[in-house]
Amino acid sequence: DKDLEICAVNLKLEQMEAELQDLNSQESKDEASLAKVKKQLRDLEAKVKDQEEELDEQAGTIQMLEQ
């Protein structure tokens, strides 16, 4: 009877360890995804800044040509 209980507890422990490993793996994937999204955001912000600078230059050129 005790052996059966110990076996059941060991099985439950193995299941919980596997579940924990899955959660840790998922967390790593989530962190990698978050890092990727943050990099994409930084890249897009840099692109917007470049386009704003280019737009300012073009506006300046237009003003000079209109004079």
PDB file of N, CA and C in Angstrom:
ATOM      1  N   ASP A   1       0.832  -1.206   0.000  1.00  0.00           N
ATOM      2  CA  ASP A   1       0.000   0.000   0.000  1.00  0.00           C
ATOM      3  C   ASP A   1       0.866   1.256   0.000  1.00  0.00           C
ATOM      4  N   LYS A   2       1.903   1.235   0.869  1.00  0.00           N
ATOM      5  CA  LYS A   2       2.826   2.375   0.918  1.00  0.00           C
ATOM      6  C   LYS A   2       3.586   2.494  -0.401  1.00  0.00           C
ATOM      7  N   ASP A   3       3.973   1.337  -0.963  1.00  0.00           N
ATOM      8  CA  ASP A   3       4.691   1.358  -2.238  1.00  0.00           C
ATOM      9  C   ASP A   3       3.842   1.998  -3.331  1.00  0.00           C
ATOM     10  N   LEU A   4       2.565   1.683  -3.325  1.00  0.00           N
ATOM     11  CA  LEU A   4       1.645   2.249  -4.305  1.00  0.00           C
ATOM     12  C   LEU A   4       1.531   3.762  -4.118  1.00  0.00           C
ATOM     13  N   GLU A   5       1.466   4.199  -2.858  1.00  0.00           N
ATOM     14  CA  GLU A   5       1.400   5.633  -2.553  1.00  0.00           C
ATOM     15  C   GLU A   5       2.666   6.345  -3.025  1.00  0.00           C
ATOM     16  N   ILE A   6       3.809   5.738  -2.727  1.00  0.00           N
ATOM     17  CA  ILE A   6       5.100   6.324  -3.122  1.00  0.00           C
ATOM     18  C   ILE A   6       5.182   6.406  -4.644  1.00  0.00           C
ATOM     19  N   CYS A   7       4.727   5.366  -5.305  1.00  0.00           N
ATOM     20  CA  CYS A   7       4.727   5.347  -6.772  1.00  0.00           C
ATOM     21  C   CYS A   7       3.845   6.469  -7.323  1.00  0.00           C
ATOM     22  N   ALA A   8       2.676   6.654  -6.734  1.00  0.00           N
ATOM     23  CA  ALA A   8       1.759   7.705  -7.179  1.00  0.00           C
ATOM     24  C   ALA A   8       2.368   9.085  -6.946  1.00  0.00           C
ATOM     25  N   VAL A   9       3.011   9.268  -5.791  1.00  0.00           N
ATOM     26  CA  VAL A   9       3.649  10.553  -5.482  1.00  0.00           C
ATOM     27  C   VAL A   9       4.793  10.818  -6.454  1.00  0.00           C
ATOM     28  N   ASN A  10       5.586   9.793  -6.748  1.00  0.00           N
ATOM     29  CA  ASN A  10       6.692   9.955  -7.697  1.00  0.00           C
ATOM     30  C   ASN A  10       6.180  10.308  -9.091  1.00  0.00           C
ATOM     31  N   LEU A  11       5.092   9.669  -9.497  1.00  0.00           N
ATOM     32  CA  LEU A  11       4.498   9.961 -10.799  1.00  0.00           C
ATOM     33  C   LEU A  11       4.025  11.411 -10.849  1.00  0.00           C
ATOM     34  N   LYS A  12       3.350  11.837  -9.780  1.00  0.00           N
ATOM     35  CA  LYS A  12       2.866  13.221  -9.699  1.00  0.00           C
ATOM     36  C   LYS A  12       4.047  14.195  -9.751  1.00  0.00           C
ATOM     37  N   LEU A  13       5.121  13.859  -9.050  1.00  0.00           N
ATOM     38  CA  LEU A  13       6.320  14.694  -9.039  1.00  0.00           C
ATOM     39  C   LEU A  13       6.902  14.821 -10.444  1.00  0.00           C
ATOM     40  N   GLU A  14       6.971  13.700 -11.150  1.00  0.00           N
ATOM     41  CA  GLU A  14       7.494  13.727 -12.523  1.00  0.00           C
ATOM     42  C   GLU A  14       6.615  14.600 -13.423  1.00  0.00           C
ATOM     43  N   GLN A  15       5.295  14.480 -13.250  1.00  0.00           N
ATOM     44  CA  GLN A  15       4.378  15.296 -14.053  1.00  0.00           C
ATOM     45  C   GLN A  15       4.573  16.781 -13.757  1.00  0.00           C
ATOM     46  N   MET A  16       4.736  17.106 -12.483  1.00  0.00           N
ATOM     47  CA  MET A  16       4.914  18.508 -12.100  1.00  0.00           C
ATOM     48  C   MET A  16       6.250  19.049 -12.607  1.00  0.00           C
ATOM     49  N   GLU A  17       7.292  18.216 -12.559  1.00  0.00           N
ATOM     50  CA  GLU A  17       8.592  18.647 -13.081  1.00  0.00           C
ATOM     51  C   GLU A  17       8.511  18.899 -14.580  1.00  0.00           C
ATOM     52  N   ALA A  18       7.805  18.032 -15.293  1.00  0.00           N
ATOM     53  CA  ALA A  18       7.636  18.214 -16.739  1.00  0.00           C
ATOM     54  C   ALA A  18       6.856  19.497 -17.022  1.00  0.00           C
ATOM     55  N   GLU A  19       5.820  19.735 -16.222  1.00  0.00           N
ATOM     56  CA  GLU A  19       5.018  20.951 -16.390  1.00  0.00           C
ATOM     57  C   GLU A  19       5.861  22.197 -16.119  1.00  0.00           C
ATOM     58  N   LEU A  20       6.680  22.136 -15.084  1.00  0.00           N
ATOM     59  CA  LEU A  20       7.565  23.255 -14.757  1.00  0.00           C
ATOM     60  C   LEU A  20       8.553  23.511 -15.889  1.00  0.00           C
ATOM     61  N   GLN A  21       9.083  22.435 -16.449  1.00  0.00           N
ATOM     62  CA  GLN A  21      10.020  22.575 -17.567  1.00  0.00           C
ATOM     63  C   GLN A  21       9.324  23.226 -18.765  1.00  0.00           C
ATOM     64  N   ASP A  22       8.085  22.810 -19.036  1.00  0.00           N
ATOM     65  CA  ASP A  22       7.313  23.418 -20.125  1.00  0.00           C
ATOM     66  C   ASP A  22       7.107  24.909 -19.879  1.00  0.00           C
ATOM     67  N   LEU A  23       6.757  25.252 -18.641  1.00  0.00           N
ATOM     68  CA  LEU A  23       6.528  26.661 -18.301  1.00  0.00           C
ATOM     69  C   LEU A  23       7.806  27.475 -18.462  1.00  0.00           C
ATOM     70  N   ASN A  24       8.928  26.915 -18.012  1.00  0.00           N
ATOM     71  CA  ASN A  24      10.208  27.615 -18.151  1.00  0.00           C
ATOM     72  C   ASN A  24      10.567  27.794 -19.617  1.00  0.00           C
ATOM     73  N   SER A  25      10.297  26.775 -20.409  1.00  0.00           N
ATOM     74  CA  SER A  25      10.568  26.853 -21.844  1.00  0.00           C
ATOM     75  C   SER A  25       9.699  27.931 -22.486  1.00  0.00           C
ATOM     76  N   GLN A  26       8.425  27.954 -22.110  1.00  0.00           N
ATOM     77  CA  GLN A  26       7.495  28.957 -22.648  1.00  0.00           C
ATOM     78  C   GLN A  26       7.931  30.356 -22.238  1.00  0.00           C
ATOM     79  N   GLU A  27       8.395  30.485 -20.985  1.00  0.00           N
ATOM     80  CA  GLU A  27       8.850  31.789 -20.495  1.00  0.00           C
ATOM     81  C   GLU A  27      10.038  32.273 -21.317  1.00  0.00           C
ATOM     82  N   SER A  28      10.956  31.358 -21.638  1.00  0.00           N
ATOM     83  CA  SER A  28      12.111  31.724 -22.461  1.00  0.00           C
ATOM     84  C   SER A  28      11.657  32.198 -23.838  1.00  0.00           C
ATOM     85  N   LYS A  29      10.678  31.482 -24.403  1.00  0.00           N
ATOM     86  CA  LYS A  29      10.152  31.878 -25.713  1.00  0.00           C
ATOM     87  C   LYS A  29       9.489  33.247 -25.628  1.00  0.00           C
ATOM     88  N   ASP A  30       8.723  33.465 -24.552  1.00  0.00           N
ATOM     89  CA  ASP A  30       8.056  34.751 -24.372  1.00  0.00           C
ATOM     90  C   ASP A  30       9.072  35.879 -24.247  1.00  0.00           C
ATOM     91  N   GLU A  31      10.158  35.624 -23.488  1.00  0.00           N
ATOM     92  CA  GLU A  31      11.194  36.651 -23.325  1.00  0.00           C
ATOM     93  C   GLU A  31      11.868  36.939 -24.655  1.00  0.00           C
ATOM     94  N   ALA A  32      12.122  35.889 -25.436  1.00  0.00           N
ATOM     95  CA  ALA A  32      12.739  36.076 -26.752  1.00  0.00           C
ATOM     96  C   ALA A  32      11.798  36.862 -27.667  1.00  0.00           C
ATOM     97  N   SER A  33      10.513  36.542 -27.609  1.00  0.00           N
ATOM     98  CA  SER A  33       9.530  37.266 -28.422  1.00  0.00           C
ATOM     99  C   SER A  33       9.471  38.730 -28.012  1.00  0.00           C
ATOM    100  N   LEU A  34       9.483  38.973 -26.713  1.00  0.00           N
ATOM    101  CA  LEU A  34       9.438  40.345 -26.210  1.00  0.00           C
ATOM    102  C   LEU A  34      10.671  41.117 -26.669  1.00  0.00           C
ATOM    103  N   ALA A  35      11.840  40.490 -26.582  1.00  0.00           N
ATOM    104  CA  ALA A  35      13.070  41.149 -27.023  1.00  0.00           C
ATOM    105  C   ALA A  35      12.995  41.472 -28.514  1.00  0.00           C
ATOM    106  N   LYS A  36      12.442  40.543 -29.291  1.00  0.00           N
ATOM    107  CA  LYS A  36      12.315  40.758 -30.738  1.00  0.00           C
ATOM    108  C   LYS A  36      11.384  41.932 -31.026  1.00  0.00           C
ATOM    109  N   VAL A  37      10.246  41.978 -30.330  1.00  0.00           N
ATOM    110  CA  VAL A  37       9.282  43.062 -30.533  1.00  0.00           C
ATOM    111  C   VAL A  37       9.891  44.398 -30.119  1.00  0.00           C
ATOM    112  N   LYS A  38      10.629  44.410 -29.006  1.00  0.00           N
ATOM    113  CA  LYS A  38      11.275  45.654 -28.564  1.00  0.00           C
ATOM    114  C   LYS A  38      12.286  46.130 -29.596  1.00  0.00           C
ATOM    115  N   LYS A  39      13.028  45.201 -30.201  1.00  0.00           N
ATOM    116  CA  LYS A  39      13.996  45.580 -31.234  1.00  0.00           C
ATOM    117  C   LYS A  39      13.268  46.153 -32.449  1.00  0.00           C
ATOM    118  N   GLN A  40      12.166  45.507 -32.841  1.00  0.00           N
ATOM    119  CA  GLN A  40      11.381  46.016 -33.971  1.00  0.00           C
ATOM    120  C   GLN A  40      10.870  47.420 -33.673  1.00  0.00           C
ATOM    121  N   LEU A  41      10.433  47.645 -32.437  1.00  0.00           N
ATOM    122  CA  LEU A  41       9.948  48.966 -32.039  1.00  0.00           C
ATOM    123  C   LEU A  41      11.069  50.003 -32.138  1.00  0.00           C
ATOM    124  N   ARG A  42      12.258  49.659 -31.631  1.00  0.00           N
ATOM    125  CA  ARG A  42      13.399  50.592 -31.725  1.00  0.00           C
ATOM    126  C   ARG A  42      13.736  50.889 -33.181  1.00  0.00           C
ATOM    127  N   ASP A  43      13.730  49.851 -34.020  1.00  0.00           N
ATOM    128  CA  ASP A  43      14.023  50.038 -35.445  1.00  0.00           C
ATOM    129  C   ASP A  43      12.998  50.969 -36.097  1.00  0.00           C
ATOM    130  N   LEU A  44      11.721  50.747 -35.778  1.00  0.00           N
ATOM    131  CA  LEU A  44      10.670  51.593 -36.355  1.00  0.00           C
ATOM    132  C   LEU A  44      10.777  53.032 -35.856  1.00  0.00           C
ATOM    133  N   GLU A  45      11.095  53.203 -34.571  1.00  0.00           N
ATOM    134  CA  GLU A  45      11.258  54.557 -34.034  1.00  0.00           C
ATOM    135  C   GLU A  45      12.413  55.273 -34.726  1.00  0.00           C
ATOM    136  N   ALA A  46      13.510  54.553 -34.983  1.00  0.00           N
ATOM    137  CA  ALA A  46      14.653  55.145 -35.681  1.00  0.00           C
ATOM    138  C   ALA A  46      14.265  55.526 -37.109  1.00  0.00           C
ATOM    139  N   LYS A  47      13.487  54.663 -37.753  1.00  0.00           N
ATOM    140  CA  LYS A  47      13.037  54.933 -39.119  1.00  0.00           C
ATOM    141  C   LYS A  47      12.153  56.181 -39.156  1.00  0.00           C
ATOM    142  N   VAL A  48      11.240  56.298 -38.189  1.00  0.00           N
ATOM    143  CA  VAL A  48      10.365  57.470 -38.107  1.00  0.00           C
ATOM    144  C   VAL A  48      11.205  58.727 -37.918  1.00  0.00           C
ATOM    145  N   LYS A  49      12.200  58.653 -37.041  1.00  0.00           N
ATOM    146  CA  LYS A  49      13.060  59.817 -36.793  1.00  0.00           C
ATOM    147  C   LYS A  49      13.783  60.230 -38.078  1.00  0.00           C
ATOM    148  N   ASP A  50      14.321  59.246 -38.808  1.00  0.00           N
ATOM    149  CA  ASP A  50      14.995  59.539 -40.076  1.00  0.00           C
ATOM    150  C   ASP A  50      14.038  60.205 -41.062  1.00  0.00           C
ATOM    151  N   GLN A  51      12.821  59.686 -41.146  1.00  0.00           N
ATOM    152  CA  GLN A  51      11.844  60.247 -42.080  1.00  0.00           C
ATOM    153  C   GLN A  51      11.440  61.662 -41.677  1.00  0.00           C
ATOM    154  N   GLU A  52      11.332  61.905 -40.366  1.00  0.00           N
ATOM    155  CA  GLU A  52      10.999  63.258 -39.902  1.00  0.00           C
ATOM    156  C   GLU A  52      12.114  64.237 -40.266  1.00  0.00           C
ATOM    157  N   GLU A  53      13.372  63.796 -40.113  1.00  0.00           N
ATOM    158  CA  GLU A  53      14.501  64.660 -40.474  1.00  0.00           C
ATOM    159  C   GLU A  53      14.492  64.947 -41.972  1.00  0.00           C
ATOM    160  N   GLU A  54      14.226  63.915 -42.764  1.00  0.00           N
ATOM    161  CA  GLU A  54      14.178  64.089 -44.214  1.00  0.00           C
ATOM    162  C   GLU A  54      13.042  65.040 -44.602  1.00  0.00           C
ATOM    163  N   LEU A  55      11.915  64.916 -43.943  1.00  0.00           N
ATOM    164  CA  LEU A  55      10.774  65.787 -44.197  1.00  0.00           C
ATOM    165  C   LEU A  55      11.119  67.237 -43.852  1.00  0.00           C
ATOM    166  N   ASP A  56      11.809  67.444 -42.732  1.00  0.00           N
ATOM    167  CA  ASP A  56      12.240  68.792 -42.348  1.00  0.00           C
ATOM    168  C   ASP A  56      13.165  69.384 -43.407  1.00  0.00           C
ATOM    169  N   GLU A  57      14.099  68.562 -43.906  1.00  0.00           N
ATOM    170  CA  GLU A  57      15.017  69.037 -44.948  1.00  0.00           C
ATOM    171  C   GLU A  57      14.238  69.436 -46.198  1.00  0.00           C
ATOM    172  N   GLN A  58      13.280  68.596 -46.594  1.00  0.00           N
ATOM    173  CA  GLN A  58      12.487  68.891 -47.789  1.00  0.00           C
ATOM    174  C   GLN A  58      11.653  70.154 -47.589  1.00  0.00           C
ATOM    175  N   ALA A  59      11.111  70.338 -46.391  1.00  0.00           N
ATOM    176  CA  ALA A  59      10.331  71.549 -46.106  1.00  0.00           C
ATOM    177  C   ALA A  59      11.229  72.778 -46.215  1.00  0.00           C
ATOM    178  N   GLY A  60      12.452  72.665 -45.718  1.00  0.00           N
ATOM    179  CA  GLY A  60      13.407  73.771 -45.820  1.00  0.00           C
ATOM    180  C   GLY A  60      13.732  74.080 -47.267  1.00  0.00           C
ATOM    181  N   THR A  61      13.932  73.052 -48.070  1.00  0.00           N
ATOM    182  CA  THR A  61      14.226  73.230 -49.492  1.00  0.00           C
ATOM    183  C   THR A  61      13.053  73.906 -50.198  1.00  0.00           C
ATOM    184  N   ILE A  62      11.854  73.475 -49.890  1.00  0.00           N
ATOM    185  CA  ILE A  62      10.653  74.070 -50.498  1.00  0.00           C
ATOM    186  C   ILE A  62      10.562  75.554 -50.138  1.00  0.00           C
ATOM    187  N   GLN A  63      10.822  75.878 -48.879  1.00  0.00           N
ATOM    188  CA  GLN A  63      10.768  77.289 -48.461  1.00  0.00           C
ATOM    189  C   GLN A  63      11.787  78.122 -49.227  1.00  0.00           C
ATOM    190  N   MET A  64      13.004  77.576 -49.382  1.00  0.00           N
ATOM    191  CA  MET A  64      14.037  78.325 -50.110  1.00  0.00           C
ATOM    192  C   MET A  64      13.622  78.529 -51.561  1.00  0.00           C
ATOM    193  N   LEU A  65      13.046  77.503 -52.182  1.00  0.00           N
ATOM    194  CA  LEU A  65      12.642  77.600 -53.582  1.00  0.00           C
ATOM    195  C   LEU A  65      11.479  78.574 -53.769  1.00  0.00           C
ATOM    196  N   GLU A  66      10.630  78.698 -52.764  1.00  0.00           N
ATOM    197  CA  GLU A  66       9.479  79.593 -52.874  1.00  0.00           C
ATOM    198  C   GLU A  66       9.871  81.058 -52.733  1.00  0.00           C
ATOM    199  N   GLN A  67      11.026  81.322 -52.180  1.00  0.00           N
ATOM    200  CA  GLN A  67      11.432  82.720 -51.968  1.00  0.00           C
ATOM    201  C   GLN A  67      11.843  83.375 -53.269  1.00  0.00           C
TER     202      GLN A  67
END
